[in-house]
Amino acid sequence: MSEGTDDNEWGPHTPDAVLHTGTEALPDPEDVVLASGHEVTPERLEQARRLLDGEGAAGVEKLLP
């Protein structure tokens, strides 16, 4: 028996039009807080808003590993 993967093992393929790289739009402030591993609080949401307003995607890159 072959060691390769079978398409049925993984299920149906996701159409390219549905896949996203994250560059289409900035994340929401809540997404930024959650992705950084912190609990969502009003203070952290405000920090995330300021980060997105001031630095955009470059600011998000600084937060995330």
C-alpha atoms as a PDB file:
ATOM      1  CA  MET A   1       0.000   0.000   0.000  1.00  0.00           C
ATOM      2  CA  SER A   2       1.234   3.507  -0.819  1.00  0.00           C
ATOM      3  CA  GLU A   3       2.412   5.947   1.855  1.00  0.00           C
ATOM      4  CA  GLY A   4       1.103   8.981  -0.074  1.00  0.00           C
ATOM      5  CA  THR A   5      -1.912  10.995   0.961  1.00  0.00           C
ATOM      6  CA  ASP A   6      -5.308  10.314  -0.484  1.00  0.00           C
ATOM      7  CA  ASP A   7      -7.514  13.307  -1.394  1.00  0.00           C
ATOM      8  CA  ASN A   8     -10.404  11.643   0.436  1.00  0.00           C
ATOM      9  CA  GLU A   9      -8.346  11.548   3.646  1.00  0.00           C
ATOM     10  CA  TRP A  10      -8.373  15.362   3.870  1.00  0.00           C
ATOM     11  CA  GLY A  11     -11.838  15.976   2.495  1.00  0.00           C
ATOM     12  CA  PRO A  12     -12.797  18.426  -0.260  1.00  0.00           C
ATOM     13  CA  HIS A  13     -10.375  21.133  -1.340  1.00  0.00           C
ATOM     14  CA  THR A  14     -11.028  24.754  -0.390  1.00  0.00           C
ATOM     15  CA  PRO A  15     -11.573  26.938  -3.465  1.00  0.00           C
ATOM     16  CA  ASP A  16      -8.891  29.591  -3.978  1.00  0.00           C
ATOM     17  CA  ALA A  17     -11.506  32.363  -3.914  1.00  0.00           C
ATOM     18  CA  VAL A  18     -12.320  31.461  -0.296  1.00  0.00           C
ATOM     19  CA  LEU A  19      -8.739  31.461   0.990  1.00  0.00           C
ATOM     20  CA  HIS A  20      -7.411  34.647   2.587  1.00  0.00           C
ATOM     21  CA  THR A  21      -3.886  35.740   3.432  1.00  0.00           C
ATOM     22  CA  GLY A  22      -4.851  38.474   5.854  1.00  0.00           C
ATOM     23  CA  THR A  23      -3.713  41.297   3.601  1.00  0.00           C
ATOM     24  CA  GLU A  24      -7.155  42.201   2.320  1.00  0.00           C
ATOM     25  CA  ALA A  25      -8.069  44.275   5.386  1.00  0.00           C
ATOM     26  CA  LEU A  26      -6.773  45.060   8.851  1.00  0.00           C
ATOM     27  CA  PRO A  27      -8.027  42.856  11.674  1.00  0.00           C
ATOM     28  CA  ASP A  28     -10.462  44.177  14.248  1.00  0.00           C
ATOM     29  CA  PRO A  29      -8.972  45.448  17.521  1.00  0.00           C
ATOM     30  CA  GLU A  30     -10.515  42.455  19.321  1.00  0.00           C
ATOM     31  CA  ASP A  31      -8.741  40.083  16.927  1.00  0.00           C
ATOM     32  CA  VAL A  32      -5.435  41.833  17.631  1.00  0.00           C
ATOM     33  CA  VAL A  33      -5.883  41.464  21.402  1.00  0.00           C
ATOM     34  CA  LEU A  34      -6.864  37.801  21.144  1.00  0.00           C
ATOM     35  CA  ALA A  35      -4.056  36.981  18.740  1.00  0.00           C
ATOM     36  CA  SER A  36      -1.544  38.540  21.126  1.00  0.00           C
ATOM     37  CA  GLY A  37      -2.652  36.060  23.802  1.00  0.00           C
ATOM     38  CA  HIS A  38      -4.268  38.566  26.148  1.00  0.00           C
ATOM     39  CA  GLU A  39      -7.743  38.781  27.605  1.00  0.00           C
ATOM     40  CA  VAL A  40      -9.986  41.339  25.915  1.00  0.00           C
ATOM     41  CA  THR A  41     -10.458  44.389  28.131  1.00  0.00           C
ATOM     42  CA  PRO A  42     -11.558  47.922  27.252  1.00  0.00           C
ATOM     43  CA  GLU A  43      -8.000  49.153  27.842  1.00  0.00           C
ATOM     44  CA  ARG A  44      -6.443  46.555  25.559  1.00  0.00           C
ATOM     45  CA  LEU A  45      -9.058  47.206  22.879  1.00  0.00           C
ATOM     46  CA  GLU A  46      -8.145  50.895  22.973  1.00  0.00           C
ATOM     47  CA  GLN A  47      -4.433  50.046  22.720  1.00  0.00           C
ATOM     48  CA  ALA A  48      -5.166  47.834  19.723  1.00  0.00           C
ATOM     49  CA  ARG A  49      -7.255  50.591  18.089  1.00  0.00           C
ATOM     50  CA  ARG A  50      -4.415  53.081  18.519  1.00  0.00           C
ATOM     51  CA  LEU A  51      -1.922  50.567  17.157  1.00  0.00           C
ATOM     52  CA  LEU A  52      -4.032  49.879  14.063  1.00  0.00           C
ATOM     53  CA  ASP A  53      -4.718  53.584  13.496  1.00  0.00           C
ATOM     54  CA  GLY A  54      -1.093  54.569  13.915  1.00  0.00           C
ATOM     55  CA  GLU A  55       0.837  51.730  12.326  1.00  0.00           C
ATOM     56  CA  GLY A  56      -1.667  49.603  10.444  1.00  0.00           C
ATOM     57  CA  ALA A  57      -0.471  46.158   9.379  1.00  0.00           C
ATOM     58  CA  ALA A  58       3.114  46.926  10.431  1.00  0.00           C
ATOM     59  CA  GLY A  59       1.933  47.340  14.013  1.00  0.00           C
ATOM     60  CA  VAL A  60       0.170  44.006  13.958  1.00  0.00           C
ATOM     61  CA  GLU A  61       3.356  42.328  12.735  1.00  0.00           C
ATOM     62  CA  LYS A  62       5.193  43.663  15.790  1.00  0.00           C
ATOM     63  CA  LEU A  63       2.707  42.016  18.165  1.00  0.00           C
ATOM     64  CA  LEU A  64       2.370  38.606  16.612  1.00  0.00           C
ATOM     65  CA  PRO A  65       5.076  35.962  16.579  1.00  0.00           C
END
